[in-house]
Amino acid sequence: MASSHLVTYDPRFRTLGQGNVALKQIASGMLWTEGPVYMPQGNYYLWSDIPNDKVYQWAEGMGVRVFDHDPRNSNGHTLDQEGRLISCEHRGRQVTRREHDGTTKVLVDSYDGKRLNSPNDVVVKSDGSIWFSDPSYGILTDYEGKRSEQEQAACYVFRLDPETGDLRIVADDFVKPNGLAFSPDESLLYVSDTGMSHDPNGPHHIRVFDVSETGELLNSRVFADIEVGLSDGFRLDVDGNVWTSCGSGVQVFSPEGDMLGEILVPEVVSNLCFGGPKRNQLLITATTSVYMTYVGATGCY
């Protein structure tokens, strides 16, 4: 049975889309949903509603509830190797870690003596290093943060060693660095540039880098142009396919950059994550709502 929310461009997508499963809306009534993350220790999901300054929780059979009433306009979230929640805060202009006792630790809020712009999205490498993007979205207006002067000379991608506190710039030539994710073997780092959000001639693509053994990014090249909307956030599956947000829903690209297919969503998608015990659930944050579906892929958390 064909599903109306799936569009196939390449035969390989037929094993990735799940044609007999519906796209289900699990939450609505929000302003701009973002930063989804799956919490395997409790089998539940979290996401941010940035303008409303809330983090929500959803689990099958439990429904939706507020998880954090004052997350300082947090955006992206991920987990470290100990299952602790790492968050990017627009209003706080910092990256934080939620400890197992529920307290929050600030991991970094400045570089070279100047405040960060507004950390946006984050991923943790297997060596414990924390990689995050720092565009200016959260300081441009009060809507998703607090209007403030930009102190950094540009919008960077950073690498943080949480043990030593060492923070270094790994990419300095983005207009608006946004979503980022490693390939399954961590030899590649994908980073989106959503500069077209404030400049019609700005970039709207995902770039990919080789990752050196010493943590440097090498051999930058464009992986895929996003023709409808922007690649705000994305994830990879265990086969290296890239599942990215866009204006029409979720687009899926092969490791070679071929568009395989789309999951059509009735609202502009900001981000997504894989979850569930089999890592075959796809949670999609889309403007005012959050959607869930099953896929034929196994996702990387």
C-alpha atoms as a PDB file:
ATOM      1  CA  MET A   1       0.000   0.000   0.000  1.00  0.00           C
ATOM      2  CA  ALA A   2       1.473   3.351  -1.046  1.00  0.00           C
ATOM      3  CA  SER A   3       1.531   6.154   1.494  1.00  0.00           C
ATOM      4  CA  SER A   4       0.629   9.696   0.424  1.00  0.00           C
ATOM      5  CA  HIS A   5       3.328  11.280   2.577  1.00  0.00           C
ATOM      6  CA  LEU A   6       6.183   9.420   0.834  1.00  0.00           C
ATOM      7  CA  VAL A   7       7.747  10.470  -2.472  1.00  0.00           C
ATOM      8  CA  THR A   8      10.291   8.126  -4.089  1.00  0.00           C
ATOM      9  CA  TYR A   9      12.963   9.453  -6.462  1.00  0.00           C
ATOM     10  CA  ASP A  10      15.328   6.481  -6.296  1.00  0.00           C
ATOM     11  CA  PRO A  11      14.475   2.772  -5.845  1.00  0.00           C
ATOM     12  CA  ARG A  12      16.711   2.678  -2.766  1.00  0.00           C
ATOM     13  CA  PHE A  13      14.135   4.757  -0.905  1.00  0.00           C
ATOM     14  CA  ARG A  14      11.574   1.962  -1.087  1.00  0.00           C
ATOM     15  CA  THR A  15      13.398   0.156   1.703  1.00  0.00           C
ATOM     16  CA  LEU A  16      13.841   3.344   3.752  1.00  0.00           C
ATOM     17  CA  GLY A  17      10.313   4.726   3.706  1.00  0.00           C
ATOM     18  CA  GLN A  18       7.650   2.712   5.467  1.00  0.00           C
ATOM     19  CA  GLY A  19       4.761   2.830   3.036  1.00  0.00           C
ATOM     20  CA  ASN A  20       2.138   1.158   5.249  1.00  0.00           C
ATOM     21  CA  VAL A  21       2.685   3.479   8.240  1.00  0.00           C
ATOM     22  CA  ALA A  22       0.956   6.829   8.711  1.00  0.00           C
ATOM     23  CA  LEU A  23       2.525  10.124   9.660  1.00  0.00           C
ATOM     24  CA  LYS A  24       1.041  10.903  13.086  1.00  0.00           C
ATOM     25  CA  GLN A  25       0.795  14.323  14.725  1.00  0.00           C
ATOM     26  CA  ILE A  26       1.626  13.856  18.419  1.00  0.00           C
ATOM     27  CA  ALA A  27       1.692  17.501  19.570  1.00  0.00           C
ATOM     28  CA  SER A  28       0.531  20.889  18.299  1.00  0.00           C
ATOM     29  CA  GLY A  29      -0.188  24.463  19.367  1.00  0.00           C
ATOM     30  CA  MET A  30       3.440  25.557  19.691  1.00  0.00           C
ATOM     31  CA  LEU A  31       5.358  28.388  18.015  1.00  0.00           C
ATOM     32  CA  TRP A  32       8.628  26.910  16.709  1.00  0.00           C
ATOM     33  CA  THR A  33       9.548  23.372  17.675  1.00  0.00           C
ATOM     34  CA  GLU A  34      13.213  22.380  17.512  1.00  0.00           C
ATOM     35  CA  GLY A  35      15.986  20.326  19.059  1.00  0.00           C
ATOM     36  CA  PRO A  36      14.449  16.825  19.261  1.00  0.00           C
ATOM     37  CA  VAL A  37      16.373  14.161  21.161  1.00  0.00           C
ATOM     38  CA  TYR A  38      15.569  10.597  22.180  1.00  0.00           C
ATOM     39  CA  MET A  39      16.268   9.558  25.772  1.00  0.00           C
ATOM     40  CA  PRO A  40      16.802   5.763  25.638  1.00  0.00           C
ATOM     41  CA  GLN A  41      17.105   5.363  29.420  1.00  0.00           C
ATOM     42  CA  GLY A  42      13.433   6.317  29.760  1.00  0.00           C
ATOM     43  CA  ASN A  43      12.170   5.605  26.216  1.00  0.00           C
ATOM     44  CA  TYR A  44      10.910   9.151  25.727  1.00  0.00           C
ATOM     45  CA  TYR A  45      11.609  12.193  23.569  1.00  0.00           C
ATOM     46  CA  LEU A  46      12.351  15.835  24.343  1.00  0.00           C
ATOM     47  CA  TRP A  47      12.089  18.887  22.115  1.00  0.00           C
ATOM     48  CA  SER A  48      12.193  22.665  22.477  1.00  0.00           C
ATOM     49  CA  ASP A  49       9.571  25.283  21.712  1.00  0.00           C
ATOM     50  CA  ILE A  50      12.089  28.098  21.466  1.00  0.00           C
ATOM     51  CA  PRO A  51       9.851  31.221  21.457  1.00  0.00           C
ATOM     52  CA  ASN A  52       7.664  29.851  24.277  1.00  0.00           C
ATOM     53  CA  ASP A  53      10.822  28.980  26.260  1.00  0.00           C
ATOM     54  CA  LYS A  54       9.776  25.428  27.100  1.00  0.00           C
ATOM     55  CA  VAL A  55      11.176  21.934  26.662  1.00  0.00           C
ATOM     56  CA  TYR A  56       8.502  19.264  26.217  1.00  0.00           C
ATOM     57  CA  GLN A  57       8.528  15.532  26.863  1.00  0.00           C
ATOM     58  CA  TRP A  58       6.567  12.842  25.052  1.00  0.00           C
ATOM     59  CA  ALA A  59       6.357   9.099  25.555  1.00  0.00           C
ATOM     60  CA  GLU A  60       3.964   6.567  24.047  1.00  0.00           C
ATOM     61  CA  GLY A  61       0.887   6.332  26.267  1.00  0.00           C
ATOM     62  CA  MET A  62       1.952   9.258  28.449  1.00  0.00           C
ATOM     63  CA  GLY A  63       1.178  12.202  26.196  1.00  0.00           C
ATOM     64  CA  VAL A  64       2.941  15.548  26.232  1.00  0.00           C
ATOM     65  CA  ARG A  65       4.068  17.437  29.322  1.00  0.00           C
ATOM     66  CA  VAL A  66       6.468  20.278  30.100  1.00  0.00           C
ATOM     67  CA  PHE A  67       9.899  18.946  31.000  1.00  0.00           C
ATOM     68  CA  ASP A  68      11.637  22.299  31.612  1.00  0.00           C
ATOM     69  CA  HIS A  69       9.813  25.586  32.243  1.00  0.00           C
ATOM     70  CA  ASP A  70      12.861  27.841  31.835  1.00  0.00           C
ATOM     71  CA  PRO A  71      15.445  26.378  29.440  1.00  0.00           C
ATOM     72  CA  ARG A  72      16.678  29.862  28.410  1.00  0.00           C
ATOM     73  CA  ASN A  73      15.305  29.526  24.876  1.00  0.00           C
ATOM     74  CA  SER A  74      17.200  26.307  24.282  1.00  0.00           C
ATOM     75  CA  ASN A  75      17.486  24.981  20.760  1.00  0.00           C
ATOM     76  CA  GLY A  76      19.517  21.843  19.964  1.00  0.00           C
ATOM     77  CA  HIS A  77      19.984  18.915  22.342  1.00  0.00           C
ATOM     78  CA  THR A  78      22.011  15.723  22.359  1.00  0.00           C
ATOM     79  CA  LEU A  79      23.343  13.151  24.836  1.00  0.00           C
ATOM     80  CA  ASP A  80      26.882  12.479  25.975  1.00  0.00           C
ATOM     81  CA  GLN A  81      28.343   9.022  26.626  1.00  0.00           C
ATOM     82  CA  GLU A  82      26.880   8.994  30.150  1.00  0.00           C
ATOM     83  CA  GLY A  83      23.367   9.787  28.942  1.00  0.00           C
ATOM     84  CA  ARG A  84      23.463  13.385  30.191  1.00  0.00           C
ATOM     85  CA  LEU A  85      21.531  16.005  28.248  1.00  0.00           C
ATOM     86  CA  ILE A  86      23.686  18.562  26.415  1.00  0.00           C
ATOM     87  CA  SER A  87      21.768  21.701  25.406  1.00  0.00           C
ATOM     88  CA  CYS A  88      22.387  24.814  23.308  1.00  0.00           C
ATOM     89  CA  GLU A  89      20.836  27.927  24.850  1.00  0.00           C
ATOM     90  CA  HIS A  90      19.971  30.971  22.767  1.00  0.00           C
ATOM     91  CA  ARG A  91      19.175  33.325  25.645  1.00  0.00           C
ATOM     92  CA  GLY A  92      21.874  31.904  27.875  1.00  0.00           C
ATOM     93  CA  ARG A  93      24.387  32.078  24.986  1.00  0.00           C
ATOM     94  CA  GLN A  94      25.951  28.915  26.354  1.00  0.00           C
ATOM     95  CA  VAL A  95      26.184  25.144  26.139  1.00  0.00           C
ATOM     96  CA  THR A  96      25.032  23.326  29.265  1.00  0.00           C
ATOM     97  CA  ARG A  97      24.894  19.801  30.653  1.00  0.00           C
ATOM     98  CA  ARG A  98      22.102  18.420  32.790  1.00  0.00           C
ATOM     99  CA  GLU A  99      23.686  16.237  35.446  1.00  0.00           C
ATOM    100  CA  HIS A 100      22.158  13.004  36.725  1.00  0.00           C
ATOM    101  CA  ASP A 101      20.991  14.785  39.895  1.00  0.00           C
ATOM    102  CA  GLY A 102      19.032  17.313  37.819  1.00  0.00           C
ATOM    103  CA  THR A 103      21.416  20.229  38.258  1.00  0.00           C
ATOM    104  CA  THR A 104      22.713  22.179  35.269  1.00  0.00           C
ATOM    105  CA  LYS A 105      26.381  22.828  34.578  1.00  0.00           C
ATOM    106  CA  VAL A 106      27.552  25.505  32.152  1.00  0.00           C
ATOM    107  CA  LEU A 107      30.164  23.917  29.884  1.00  0.00           C
ATOM    108  CA  VAL A 108      31.053  26.995  27.854  1.00  0.00           C
ATOM    109  CA  ASP A 109      29.699  30.508  27.348  1.00  0.00           C
ATOM    110  CA  SER A 110      32.578  32.431  25.779  1.00  0.00           C
ATOM    111  CA  TYR A 111      35.493  32.209  23.399  1.00  0.00           C
ATOM    112  CA  ASP A 112      38.592  34.388  23.596  1.00  0.00           C
ATOM    113  CA  GLY A 113      37.002  36.417  26.382  1.00  0.00           C
ATOM    114  CA  LYS A 114      33.884  37.255  24.337  1.00  0.00           C
ATOM    115  CA  ARG A 115      30.386  35.829  24.734  1.00  0.00           C
ATOM    116  CA  LEU A 116      29.219  33.220  22.265  1.00  0.00           C
ATOM    117  CA  ASN A 117      26.554  34.257  19.752  1.00  0.00           C
ATOM    118  CA  SER A 118      23.738  31.784  20.426  1.00  0.00           C
ATOM    119  CA  PRO A 119      24.694  28.088  20.333  1.00  0.00           C
ATOM    120  CA  ASN A 120      22.288  26.327  18.006  1.00  0.00           C
ATOM    121  CA  ASP A 121      22.891  22.613  17.460  1.00  0.00           C
ATOM    122  CA  VAL A 122      25.260  20.102  19.021  1.00  0.00           C
ATOM    123  CA  VAL A 123      26.676  16.608  18.636  1.00  0.00           C
ATOM    124  CA  VAL A 124      28.972  14.557  20.873  1.00  0.00           C
ATOM    125  CA  LYS A 125      31.768  12.432  19.395  1.00  0.00           C
ATOM    126  CA  SER A 126      32.664   9.042  20.873  1.00  0.00           C
ATOM    127  CA  ASP A 127      35.792  10.545  22.459  1.00  0.00           C
ATOM    128  CA  GLY A 128      33.550  12.830  24.521  1.00  0.00           C
ATOM    129  CA  SER A 129      34.297  16.018  22.573  1.00  0.00           C
ATOM    130  CA  ILE A 130      31.330  18.336  22.015  1.00  0.00           C
ATOM    131  CA  TRP A 131      30.893  19.960  18.606  1.00  0.00           C
ATOM    132  CA  PHE A 132      28.396  22.806  18.195  1.00  0.00           C
ATOM    133  CA  SER A 133      27.349  25.556  15.803  1.00  0.00           C
ATOM    134  CA  ASP A 134      27.117  29.174  16.923  1.00  0.00           C
ATOM    135  CA  PRO A 135      25.097  31.335  14.510  1.00  0.00           C
ATOM    136  CA  SER A 136      23.511  34.619  15.559  1.00  0.00           C
ATOM    137  CA  TYR A 137      19.819  33.679  15.395  1.00  0.00           C
ATOM    138  CA  GLY A 138      19.219  33.961  19.138  1.00  0.00           C
ATOM    139  CA  ILE A 139      20.600  37.496  19.427  1.00  0.00           C
ATOM    140  CA  LEU A 140      19.019  39.044  16.321  1.00  0.00           C
ATOM    141  CA  THR A 141      15.635  39.616  18.012  1.00  0.00           C
ATOM    142  CA  ASP A 142      13.846  38.838  21.266  1.00  0.00           C
ATOM    143  CA  TYR A 143      11.665  36.173  19.618  1.00  0.00           C
ATOM    144  CA  GLU A 144      14.009  33.194  20.064  1.00  0.00           C
ATOM    145  CA  GLY A 145      16.352  34.662  22.641  1.00  0.00           C
ATOM    146  CA  LYS A 146      17.437  38.172  23.590  1.00  0.00           C
ATOM    147  CA  ARG A 147      18.449  40.874  21.163  1.00  0.00           C
ATOM    148  CA  SER A 148      22.104  41.605  21.850  1.00  0.00           C
ATOM    149  CA  GLU A 149      25.304  42.789  20.247  1.00  0.00           C
ATOM    150  CA  GLN A 150      27.351  40.118  18.546  1.00  0.00           C
ATOM    151  CA  GLU A 151      30.730  39.835  20.251  1.00  0.00           C
ATOM    152  CA  GLN A 152      32.278  37.093  18.125  1.00  0.00           C
ATOM    153  CA  ALA A 153      33.809  38.204  14.817  1.00  0.00           C
ATOM    154  CA  ALA A 154      31.809  35.598  12.887  1.00  0.00           C
ATOM    155  CA  CYS A 155      29.566  32.556  13.241  1.00  0.00           C
ATOM    156  CA  TYR A 156      31.749  29.548  13.962  1.00  0.00           C
ATOM    157  CA  VAL A 157      31.625  25.810  14.440  1.00  0.00           C
ATOM    158  CA  PHE A 158      33.370  24.901  17.702  1.00  0.00           C
ATOM    159  CA  ARG A 159      34.900  21.816  19.296  1.00  0.00           C
ATOM    160  CA  LEU A 160      34.880  21.629  23.093  1.00  0.00           C
ATOM    161  CA  ASP A 161      36.797  19.247  25.322  1.00  0.00           C
ATOM    162  CA  PRO A 162      34.528  19.132  28.396  1.00  0.00           C
ATOM    163  CA  GLU A 163      37.277  17.634  30.552  1.00  0.00           C
ATOM    164  CA  THR A 164      39.873  20.349  29.974  1.00  0.00           C
ATOM    165  CA  GLY A 165      37.578  23.193  28.882  1.00  0.00           C
ATOM    166  CA  ASP A 166      39.619  23.629  25.703  1.00  0.00           C
ATOM    167  CA  LEU A 167      37.459  25.344  23.064  1.00  0.00           C
ATOM    168  CA  ARG A 168      38.642  25.736  19.499  1.00  0.00           C
ATOM    169  CA  ILE A 169      37.201  26.915  16.199  1.00  0.00           C
ATOM    170  CA  VAL A 170      37.038  24.078  13.672  1.00  0.00           C
ATOM    171  CA  ALA A 171      35.238  25.993  10.888  1.00  0.00           C
ATOM    172  CA  ASP A 172      35.193  29.754  10.371  1.00  0.00           C
ATOM    173  CA  ASP A 173      33.772  30.280   6.876  1.00  0.00           C
ATOM    174  CA  PHE A 174      30.050  29.678   7.405  1.00  0.00           C
ATOM    175  CA  VAL A 175      27.410  32.388   7.124  1.00  0.00           C
ATOM    176  CA  LYS A 176      24.949  30.698   9.481  1.00  0.00           C
ATOM    177  CA  PRO A 177      26.228  27.278  10.610  1.00  0.00           C
ATOM    178  CA  ASN A 178      23.293  25.251  11.836  1.00  0.00           C
ATOM    179  CA  GLY A 179      22.654  21.498  12.013  1.00  0.00           C
ATOM    180  CA  LEU A 180      25.567  19.089  12.310  1.00  0.00           C
ATOM    181  CA  ALA A 181      26.099  15.337  12.579  1.00  0.00           C
ATOM    182  CA  PHE A 182      28.861  12.767  12.226  1.00  0.00           C
ATOM    183  CA  SER A 183      28.869   9.845   9.828  1.00  0.00           C
ATOM    184  CA  PRO A 184      28.429   6.474  11.569  1.00  0.00           C
ATOM    185  CA  ASP A 185      32.205   5.889  11.696  1.00  0.00           C
ATOM    186  CA  GLU A 186      32.864   9.557  12.636  1.00  0.00           C
ATOM    187  CA  SER A 187      35.263  10.017   9.725  1.00  0.00           C
ATOM    188  CA  LEU A 188      33.000  12.739   8.299  1.00  0.00           C
ATOM    189  CA  LEU A 189      31.227  15.739   9.801  1.00  0.00           C
ATOM    190  CA  TYR A 190      28.212  17.225   8.030  1.00  0.00           C
ATOM    191  CA  VAL A 191      27.286  20.860   8.750  1.00  0.00           C
ATOM    192  CA  SER A 192      24.459  22.852   7.203  1.00  0.00           C
ATOM    193  CA  ASP A 193      24.644  26.536   6.304  1.00  0.00           C
ATOM    194  CA  THR A 194      21.279  28.319   6.437  1.00  0.00           C
ATOM    195  CA  GLY A 195      22.532  31.770   5.477  1.00  0.00           C
ATOM    196  CA  MET A 196      19.652  32.130   3.021  1.00  0.00           C
ATOM    197  CA  SER A 197      17.359  32.702   6.026  1.00  0.00           C
ATOM    198  CA  HIS A 198      18.422  36.377   6.081  1.00  0.00           C
ATOM    199  CA  ASP A 199      19.906  36.781   2.608  1.00  0.00           C
ATOM    200  CA  PRO A 200      18.053  35.500  -0.485  1.00  0.00           C
ATOM    201  CA  ASN A 201      21.423  34.921  -2.124  1.00  0.00           C
ATOM    202  CA  GLY A 202      22.876  33.196   0.911  1.00  0.00           C
ATOM    203  CA  PRO A 203      23.855  29.528   1.211  1.00  0.00           C
ATOM    204  CA  HIS A 204      21.241  26.798   1.599  1.00  0.00           C
ATOM    205  CA  HIS A 205      23.258  23.616   1.608  1.00  0.00           C
ATOM    206  CA  ILE A 206      24.915  20.898   3.686  1.00  0.00           C
ATOM    207  CA  ARG A 207      28.697  20.724   3.607  1.00  0.00           C
ATOM    208  CA  VAL A 208      30.800  17.712   4.553  1.00  0.00           C
ATOM    209  CA  PHE A 209      34.324  17.563   5.961  1.00  0.00           C
ATOM    210  CA  ASP A 210      36.882  14.853   6.573  1.00  0.00           C
ATOM    211  CA  VAL A 211      37.680  14.624  10.292  1.00  0.00           C
ATOM    212  CA  SER A 212      41.361  14.156  11.119  1.00  0.00           C
ATOM    213  CA  GLU A 213      42.630  12.079  14.030  1.00  0.00           C
ATOM    214  CA  THR A 214      43.549  15.311  15.822  1.00  0.00           C
ATOM    215  CA  GLY A 215      40.051  16.772  15.436  1.00  0.00           C
ATOM    216  CA  GLU A 216      40.613  19.061  12.452  1.00  0.00           C
ATOM    217  CA  LEU A 217      38.116  19.479   9.621  1.00  0.00           C
ATOM    218  CA  LEU A 218      39.608  18.980   6.174  1.00  0.00           C
ATOM    219  CA  ASN A 219      38.573  18.902   2.521  1.00  0.00           C
ATOM    220  CA  SER A 220      35.363  20.936   2.751  1.00  0.00           C
ATOM    221  CA  ARG A 221      32.852  20.337  -0.043  1.00  0.00           C
ATOM    222  CA  VAL A 222      29.138  20.820  -0.637  1.00  0.00           C
ATOM    223  CA  PHE A 223      27.285  17.577   0.010  1.00  0.00           C
ATOM    224  CA  ALA A 224      23.790  18.658  -1.077  1.00  0.00           C
ATOM    225  CA  ASP A 225      21.903  21.826  -1.965  1.00  0.00           C
ATOM    226  CA  ILE A 226      18.486  22.173  -0.344  1.00  0.00           C
ATOM    227  CA  GLU A 227      16.187  23.623  -2.983  1.00  0.00           C
ATOM    228  CA  VAL A 228      13.006  23.851  -0.877  1.00  0.00           C
ATOM    229  CA  GLY A 229      13.545  25.677   2.386  1.00  0.00           C
ATOM    230  CA  LEU A 230      16.613  25.045   4.516  1.00  0.00           C
ATOM    231  CA  SER A 231      18.460  22.184   6.151  1.00  0.00           C
ATOM    232  CA  ASP A 232      17.911  23.367   9.711  1.00  0.00           C
ATOM    233  CA  GLY A 233      18.701  20.037  11.373  1.00  0.00           C
ATOM    234  CA  PHE A 234      19.391  16.459  10.288  1.00  0.00           C
ATOM    235  CA  ARG A 235      20.465  12.975  11.365  1.00  0.00           C
ATOM    236  CA  LEU A 236      22.161   9.999   9.735  1.00  0.00           C
ATOM    237  CA  ASP A 237      21.186   6.350   9.701  1.00  0.00           C
ATOM    238  CA  VAL A 238      23.632   3.476  10.203  1.00  0.00           C
ATOM    239  CA  ASP A 239      24.143   3.150   6.427  1.00  0.00           C
ATOM    240  CA  GLY A 240      25.259   6.764   6.127  1.00  0.00           C
ATOM    241  CA  ASN A 241      22.094   8.179   4.550  1.00  0.00           C
ATOM    242  CA  VAL A 242      21.362  11.783   5.547  1.00  0.00           C
ATOM    243  CA  TRP A 243      17.808  12.586   6.717  1.00  0.00           C
ATOM    244  CA  THR A 244      17.379  16.344   6.664  1.00  0.00           C
ATOM    245  CA  SER A 245      14.697  18.904   7.371  1.00  0.00           C
ATOM    246  CA  CYS A 246      13.506  21.143   4.536  1.00  0.00           C
ATOM    247  CA  GLY A 247      10.577  23.334   3.583  1.00  0.00           C
ATOM    248  CA  SER A 248       8.413  20.462   2.370  1.00  0.00           C
ATOM    249  CA  GLY A 249       9.245  17.886   5.025  1.00  0.00           C
ATOM    250  CA  VAL A 250      12.200  15.502   5.301  1.00  0.00           C
ATOM    251  CA  GLN A 251      14.557  14.768   2.411  1.00  0.00           C
ATOM    252  CA  VAL A 252      16.759  11.679   2.373  1.00  0.00           C
ATOM    253  CA  PHE A 253      20.147  11.665   0.644  1.00  0.00           C
ATOM    254  CA  SER A 254      22.473   8.749  -0.006  1.00  0.00           C
ATOM    255  CA  PRO A 255      26.079   8.932   1.248  1.00  0.00           C
ATOM    256  CA  GLU A 256      27.007  10.020  -2.287  1.00  0.00           C
ATOM    257  CA  GLY A 257      24.596  12.969  -2.151  1.00  0.00           C
ATOM    258  CA  ASP A 258      21.801  11.531  -4.317  1.00  0.00           C
ATOM    259  CA  MET A 259      18.306  12.495  -3.211  1.00  0.00           C
ATOM    260  CA  LEU A 260      16.466   9.236  -2.622  1.00  0.00           C
ATOM    261  CA  GLY A 261      13.066  10.394  -1.476  1.00  0.00           C
ATOM    262  CA  GLU A 262      10.985  12.648   0.740  1.00  0.00           C
ATOM    263  CA  ILE A 263       8.614  12.426   3.665  1.00  0.00           C
ATOM    264  CA  LEU A 264       6.058  15.159   3.088  1.00  0.00           C
ATOM    265  CA  VAL A 265       4.974  17.040   6.215  1.00  0.00           C
ATOM    266  CA  PRO A 266       2.178  19.654   6.264  1.00  0.00           C
ATOM    267  CA  GLU A 267       4.377  22.218   8.058  1.00  0.00           C
ATOM    268  CA  VAL A 268       7.913  23.485   7.555  1.00  0.00           C
ATOM    269  CA  VAL A 269      10.270  21.057   9.287  1.00  0.00           C
ATOM    270  CA  SER A 270      13.029  22.320  11.555  1.00  0.00           C
ATOM    271  CA  ASN A 271      14.656  19.122  12.765  1.00  0.00           C
ATOM    272  CA  LEU A 272      14.270  15.404  13.419  1.00  0.00           C
ATOM    273  CA  CYS A 273      15.757  12.516  15.341  1.00  0.00           C
ATOM    274  CA  PHE A 274      15.644   8.740  15.396  1.00  0.00           C
ATOM    275  CA  GLY A 275      14.468   6.887  18.468  1.00  0.00           C
ATOM    276  CA  GLY A 276      12.613   3.960  19.941  1.00  0.00           C
ATOM    277  CA  PRO A 277      14.093   0.650  21.101  1.00  0.00           C
ATOM    278  CA  LYS A 278      14.847  -0.323  17.486  1.00  0.00           C
ATOM    279  CA  ARG A 279      15.897   3.203  16.450  1.00  0.00           C
ATOM    280  CA  ASN A 280      13.337   3.069  13.641  1.00  0.00           C
ATOM    281  CA  GLN A 281      11.004   5.801  14.869  1.00  0.00           C
ATOM    282  CA  LEU A 282      11.422   9.242  13.322  1.00  0.00           C
ATOM    283  CA  LEU A 283      10.341  12.208  15.434  1.00  0.00           C
ATOM    284  CA  ILE A 284       9.919  15.372  13.349  1.00  0.00           C
ATOM    285  CA  THR A 285       9.699  18.891  14.774  1.00  0.00           C
ATOM    286  CA  ALA A 286       7.720  21.061  12.362  1.00  0.00           C
ATOM    287  CA  THR A 287       6.867  24.688  13.184  1.00  0.00           C
ATOM    288  CA  THR A 288       3.809  24.467  15.485  1.00  0.00           C
ATOM    289  CA  SER A 289       3.635  20.668  15.699  1.00  0.00           C
ATOM    290  CA  VAL A 290       5.580  17.462  16.242  1.00  0.00           C
ATOM    291  CA  TYR A 291       5.064  14.365  14.069  1.00  0.00           C
ATOM    292  CA  MET A 292       6.031  10.716  14.395  1.00  0.00           C
ATOM    293  CA  THR A 293       6.388   7.921  11.890  1.00  0.00           C
ATOM    294  CA  TYR A 294       8.238   4.626  11.497  1.00  0.00           C
ATOM    295  CA  VAL A 295      10.905   4.135   8.833  1.00  0.00           C
ATOM    296  CA  GLY A 296      12.762   1.214   7.313  1.00  0.00           C
ATOM    297  CA  ALA A 297      16.145   2.559   8.424  1.00  0.00           C
ATOM    298  CA  THR A 298      18.035   2.174  11.691  1.00  0.00           C
ATOM    299  CA  GLY A 299      19.061   5.591  12.893  1.00  0.00           C
ATOM    300  CA  CYS A 300      22.143   6.816  14.696  1.00  0.00           C
ATOM    301  CA  TYR A 301      21.172   8.417  18.008  1.00  0.00           C
END
